[in-house]
C-alpha atoms as a PDB file:
ATOM      1  CA  UNK A   1     -24.595  23.964  96.615  1.00  0.00           C
ATOM      2  CA  UNK A   2     -25.586  27.290  95.149  1.00  0.00           C
ATOM      3  CA  UNK A   3     -21.942  27.999  94.407  1.00  0.00           C
ATOM      4  CA  UNK A   4     -21.581  24.639  92.677  1.00  0.00           C
ATOM      5  CA  UNK A   5     -24.665  25.263  90.513  1.00  0.00           C
ATOM      6  CA  UNK A   6     -23.400  28.711  89.586  1.00  0.00           C
ATOM      7  CA  UNK A   7     -20.155  27.264  88.287  1.00  0.00           C
ATOM      8  CA  UNK A   8     -22.006  24.678  86.205  1.00  0.00           C
ATOM      9  CA  UNK A   9     -24.277  27.375  84.768  1.00  0.00           C
ATOM     10  CA  UNK A  10     -21.267  29.529  83.888  1.00  0.00           C
ATOM     11  CA  UNK A  11     -19.577  26.578  82.181  1.00  0.00           C
ATOM     12  CA  UNK A  12     -22.726  25.719  80.211  1.00  0.00           C
ATOM     13  CA  UNK A  13     -23.197  29.349  79.186  1.00  0.00           C
ATOM     14  CA  UNK A  14     -19.542  29.574  78.116  1.00  0.00           C
ATOM     15  CA  UNK A  15     -19.876  26.398  76.004  1.00  0.00           C
ATOM     16  CA  UNK A  16     -23.073  27.675  74.328  1.00  0.00           C
ATOM     17  CA  UNK A  17     -21.453  31.038  73.538  1.00  0.00           C
ATOM     18  CA  UNK A  18     -18.388  29.322  72.117  1.00  0.00           C
ATOM     19  CA  UNK A  19     -20.440  27.168  69.746  1.00  0.00           C
ATOM     20  CA  UNK A  20     -22.758  29.923  68.470  1.00  0.00           C
ATOM     21  CA  UNK A  21     -22.219  31.282  64.921  1.00  0.00           C
ATOM     22  CA  UNK A  22     -19.493  30.678  62.382  1.00  0.00           C
ATOM     23  CA  UNK A  23     -15.929  31.886  62.271  1.00  0.00           C
ATOM     24  CA  UNK A  24     -14.724  34.203  59.548  1.00  0.00           C
ATOM     25  CA  UNK A  25     -12.627  31.407  58.053  1.00  0.00           C
ATOM     26  CA  UNK A  26     -15.644  29.103  57.804  1.00  0.00           C
ATOM     27  CA  UNK A  27     -17.662  31.821  56.072  1.00  0.00           C
ATOM     28  CA  UNK A  28     -14.844  32.521  53.609  1.00  0.00           C
ATOM     29  CA  UNK A  29     -14.518  28.817  52.776  1.00  0.00           C
ATOM     30  CA  UNK A  30     -18.259  28.561  52.097  1.00  0.00           C
ATOM     31  CA  UNK A  31     -18.178  31.699  49.921  1.00  0.00           C
ATOM     32  CA  UNK A  32     -15.203  30.323  47.965  1.00  0.00           C
ATOM     33  CA  UNK A  33     -17.056  27.055  47.321  1.00  0.00           C
ATOM     34  CA  UNK A  34     -20.172  28.936  46.175  1.00  0.00           C
ATOM     35  CA  UNK A  35     -17.999  31.082  43.887  1.00  0.00           C
ATOM     36  CA  UNK A  36     -16.383  28.011  42.316  1.00  0.00           C
ATOM     37  CA  UNK A  37     -19.744  26.372  41.708  1.00  0.00           C
ATOM     38  CA  UNK A  38     -21.107  29.584  40.146  1.00  0.00           C
ATOM     39  CA  UNK A  39     -18.034  29.885  37.911  1.00  0.00           C
ATOM     40  CA  UNK A  40     -18.559  26.343  36.641  1.00  0.00           C
ATOM     41  CA  UNK A  41     -22.341  26.513  36.207  1.00  0.00           C
ATOM     42  CA  UNK A  42     -22.833  30.061  34.839  1.00  0.00           C
ATOM     43  CA  UNK A  43     -21.291  29.484  31.378  1.00  0.00           C
ATOM     44  CA  UNK A  44     -23.518  26.450  30.811  1.00  0.00           C
ATOM     45  CA  UNK A  45     -26.641  28.339  31.860  1.00  0.00           C
ATOM     46  CA  UNK A  46     -25.760  31.277  29.595  1.00  0.00           C
ATOM     47  CA  UNK A  47     -25.126  28.867  26.713  1.00  0.00           C
ATOM     48  CA  UNK A  48     -28.595  27.367  27.113  1.00  0.00           C
ATOM     49  CA  UNK A  49     -30.199  30.799  27.371  1.00  0.00           C
ATOM     50  CA  UNK A  50     -28.457  31.842  24.155  1.00  0.00           C
ATOM     51  CA  UNK A  51     -29.550  28.731  22.280  1.00  0.00           C
ATOM     52  CA  UNK A  52     -33.107  29.233  23.543  1.00  0.00           C
ATOM     53  CA  UNK A  53     -33.145  32.699  21.941  1.00  0.00           C
ATOM     54  CA  UNK A  54     -31.921  31.213  18.651  1.00  0.00           C
ATOM     55  CA  UNK A  55     -34.664  28.561  18.798  1.00  0.00           C
ATOM     56  CA  UNK A  56     -37.296  31.184  19.654  1.00  0.00           C
ATOM     57  CA  UNK A  57     -36.240  33.371  16.736  1.00  0.00           C
ATOM     58  CA  UNK A  58     -36.324  30.408  14.331  1.00  0.00           C
ATOM     59  CA  UNK A  59     -39.857  29.589  15.497  1.00  0.00           C
ATOM     60  CA  UNK A  60     -40.937  33.220  15.066  1.00  0.00           C
ATOM     61  CA  UNK A  61     -39.533  33.285  11.527  1.00  0.00           C
ATOM     62  CA  UNK A  62     -41.493  30.104  10.751  1.00  0.00           C
ATOM     63  CA  UNK A  63     -44.690  31.757  12.065  1.00  0.00           C
ATOM     64  CA  UNK A  64     -44.033  34.813   9.909  1.00  0.00           C
ATOM     65  CA  UNK A  65     -43.487  32.513   6.883  1.00  0.00           C
ATOM     66  CA  UNK A  66     -46.836  30.828   7.514  1.00  0.00           C
ATOM     67  CA  UNK A  67     -48.563  34.212   7.805  1.00  0.00           C
ATOM     68  CA  UNK A  68     -46.935  35.374   4.560  1.00  0.00           C
ATOM     69  CA  UNK A  69     -48.221  32.278   2.764  1.00  0.00           C
ATOM     70  CA  UNK A  70     -51.773  32.915   4.020  1.00  0.00           C
ATOM     71  CA  UNK A  71     -51.465  36.535   2.887  1.00  0.00           C
ATOM     72  CA  UNK A  72     -50.341  35.322  -0.546  1.00  0.00           C
ATOM     73  CA  UNK A  73     -53.298  32.942  -0.835  1.00  0.00           C
ATOM     74  CA  UNK A  74     -55.763  35.758  -0.055  1.00  0.00           C
ATOM     75  CA  UNK A  75     -54.171  38.723  -1.834  1.00  0.00           C
ATOM     76  CA  UNK A  76     -52.284  37.016  -4.684  1.00  0.00           C
ATOM     77  CA  UNK A  77     -48.877  38.505  -3.923  1.00  0.00           C
ATOM     78  CA  UNK A  78     -46.512  38.913  -0.991  1.00  0.00           C
ATOM     79  CA  UNK A  79     -46.278  42.267   0.777  1.00  0.00           C
ATOM     80  CA  UNK A  80     -43.702  44.555  -0.831  1.00  0.00           C
ATOM     81  CA  UNK A  81     -40.572  45.598   1.025  1.00  0.00           C
ATOM     82  CA  UNK A  82     -42.193  49.000   1.548  1.00  0.00           C
ATOM     83  CA  UNK A  83     -45.365  47.470   3.024  1.00  0.00           C
ATOM     84  CA  UNK A  84     -43.234  45.252   5.233  1.00  0.00           C
ATOM     85  CA  UNK A  85     -44.430  42.766   7.799  1.00  0.00           C
ATOM     86  CA  UNK A  86     -46.972  45.291   9.087  1.00  0.00           C
ATOM     87  CA  UNK A  87     -49.138  44.254   6.105  1.00  0.00           C
ATOM     88  CA  UNK A  88     -49.775  40.994   7.963  1.00  0.00           C
ATOM     89  CA  UNK A  89     -51.579  42.727  10.807  1.00  0.00           C
ATOM     90  CA  UNK A  90     -53.006  45.906   9.242  1.00  0.00           C
ATOM     91  CA  UNK A  91     -55.551  45.933   6.442  1.00  0.00           C
ATOM     92  CA  UNK A  92     -54.481  47.763   3.290  1.00  0.00           C
ATOM     93  CA  UNK A  93     -56.448  50.790   2.156  1.00  0.00           C
ATOM     94  CA  UNK A  94     -56.720  49.614  -1.468  1.00  0.00           C
ATOM     95  CA  UNK A  95     -59.687  47.305  -0.828  1.00  0.00           C
ATOM     96  CA  UNK A  96     -57.850  44.116  -1.784  1.00  0.00           C
ATOM     97  CA  UNK A  97     -58.928  40.630  -0.732  1.00  0.00           C
ATOM     98  CA  UNK A  98     -57.008  40.943   2.536  1.00  0.00           C
ATOM     99  CA  UNK A  99     -58.552  38.555   5.082  1.00  0.00           C
ATOM    100  CA  UNK A 100     -56.264  39.145   8.072  1.00  0.00           C
ATOM    101  CA  UNK A 101     -54.868  39.825  10.459  1.00  0.00           C
ATOM    102  CA  UNK A 102     -52.478  36.995   9.707  1.00  0.00           C
ATOM    103  CA  UNK A 103     -50.473  37.634  12.864  1.00  0.00           C
ATOM    104  CA  UNK A 104     -52.050  38.756  16.135  1.00  0.00           C
ATOM    105  CA  UNK A 105     -49.300  41.197  16.998  1.00  0.00           C
ATOM    106  CA  UNK A 106     -49.357  44.561  15.291  1.00  0.00           C
ATOM    107  CA  UNK A 107     -46.574  47.067  14.838  1.00  0.00           C
ATOM    108  CA  UNK A 108     -42.901  46.175  14.629  1.00  0.00           C
ATOM    109  CA  UNK A 109     -42.017  42.498  14.870  1.00  0.00           C
ATOM    110  CA  UNK A 110     -38.994  41.908  17.117  1.00  0.00           C
ATOM    111  CA  UNK A 111     -36.689  38.908  17.358  1.00  0.00           C
ATOM    112  CA  UNK A 112     -35.640  37.354  20.686  1.00  0.00           C
ATOM    113  CA  UNK A 113     -32.892  39.991  21.090  1.00  0.00           C
ATOM    114  CA  UNK A 114     -35.335  42.888  20.659  1.00  0.00           C
ATOM    115  CA  UNK A 115     -34.287  43.814  17.112  1.00  0.00           C
ATOM    116  CA  UNK A 116     -36.802  44.344  14.303  1.00  0.00           C
ATOM    117  CA  UNK A 117     -36.898  41.661  11.637  1.00  0.00           C
ATOM    118  CA  UNK A 118     -35.757  42.731   8.196  1.00  0.00           C
ATOM    119  CA  UNK A 119     -38.107  41.887   5.350  1.00  0.00           C
ATOM    120  CA  UNK A 120     -37.369  41.978   1.614  1.00  0.00           C
ATOM    121  CA  UNK A 121     -39.705  41.140  -1.229  1.00  0.00           C
ATOM    122  CA  UNK A 122     -38.727  40.136  -3.792  1.00  0.00           C
ATOM    123  CA  UNK A 123     -35.465  38.635  -2.558  1.00  0.00           C
ATOM    124  CA  UNK A 124     -32.688  36.858  -4.393  1.00  0.00           C
ATOM    125  CA  UNK A 125     -33.896  33.419  -5.545  1.00  0.00           C
ATOM    126  CA  UNK A 126     -36.929  33.647  -3.227  1.00  0.00           C
ATOM    127  CA  UNK A 127     -40.181  35.541  -3.303  1.00  0.00           C
ATOM    128  CA  UNK A 128     -39.334  37.068   0.099  1.00  0.00           C
ATOM    129  CA  UNK A 129     -36.766  36.958   2.870  1.00  0.00           C
ATOM    130  CA  UNK A 130     -37.235  37.413   6.626  1.00  0.00           C
ATOM    131  CA  UNK A 131     -33.969  38.103   8.461  1.00  0.00           C
ATOM    132  CA  UNK A 132     -32.887  38.369  12.095  1.00  0.00           C
ATOM    133  CA  UNK A 133     -29.405  39.798  12.589  1.00  0.00           C
ATOM    134  CA  UNK A 134     -28.817  37.557  15.615  1.00  0.00           C
ATOM    135  CA  UNK A 135     -27.351  38.374  18.993  1.00  0.00           C
ATOM    136  CA  UNK A 136     -24.746  40.860  17.712  1.00  0.00           C
ATOM    137  CA  UNK A 137     -27.353  42.795  15.673  1.00  0.00           C
ATOM    138  CA  UNK A 138     -24.887  42.980  12.736  1.00  0.00           C
ATOM    139  CA  UNK A 139     -24.942  41.315   9.340  1.00  0.00           C
ATOM    140  CA  UNK A 140     -22.941  38.072   9.249  1.00  0.00           C
ATOM    141  CA  UNK A 141     -21.424  36.393  12.270  1.00  0.00           C
ATOM    142  CA  UNK A 142     -20.982  32.885  13.626  1.00  0.00           C
ATOM    143  CA  UNK A 143     -22.735  30.810  16.294  1.00  0.00           C
ATOM    144  CA  UNK A 144     -25.280  32.840  18.226  1.00  0.00           C
ATOM    145  CA  UNK A 145     -24.165  35.964  16.350  1.00  0.00           C
ATOM    146  CA  UNK A 146     -25.105  34.418  12.985  1.00  0.00           C
ATOM    147  CA  UNK A 147     -27.968  35.865  10.987  1.00  0.00           C
ATOM    148  CA  UNK A 148     -31.148  33.783  10.953  1.00  0.00           C
ATOM    149  CA  UNK A 149     -33.492  33.774   7.966  1.00  0.00           C
ATOM    150  CA  UNK A 150     -36.293  31.825   6.353  1.00  0.00           C
ATOM    151  CA  UNK A 151     -35.356  28.730   4.389  1.00  0.00           C
END
């Protein structure tokens, strides 16, 4: 009887060892499936991330426009190109009717790609222009590389 039990135990142990883990082929198939899914999903995710940066930059430009209008109401003119956007967060030394800060952030204002906004005043056909060079950080471009500016 002991011999019979030993054989059954050996068979059970052999079956358990045979069913433990995955074969190399099974692992490679799973990795291939994961790779295919990632290849299909990644471009869509990157597209949405890119459009989110465009939307964020447009919203930031709108906030800067609003701050510039408040500055104009208080001071009577828009900051010059030389004064730049920093005039919205730092009081001038000339004792004008500045009632800011008009934006909480001080220092250089960065777009969603980490590039400083360009500011011109006066601008062509507008009292001022706020520009983001877009993803490519170069003038011009299409799609997500296009320049963004106030309307």
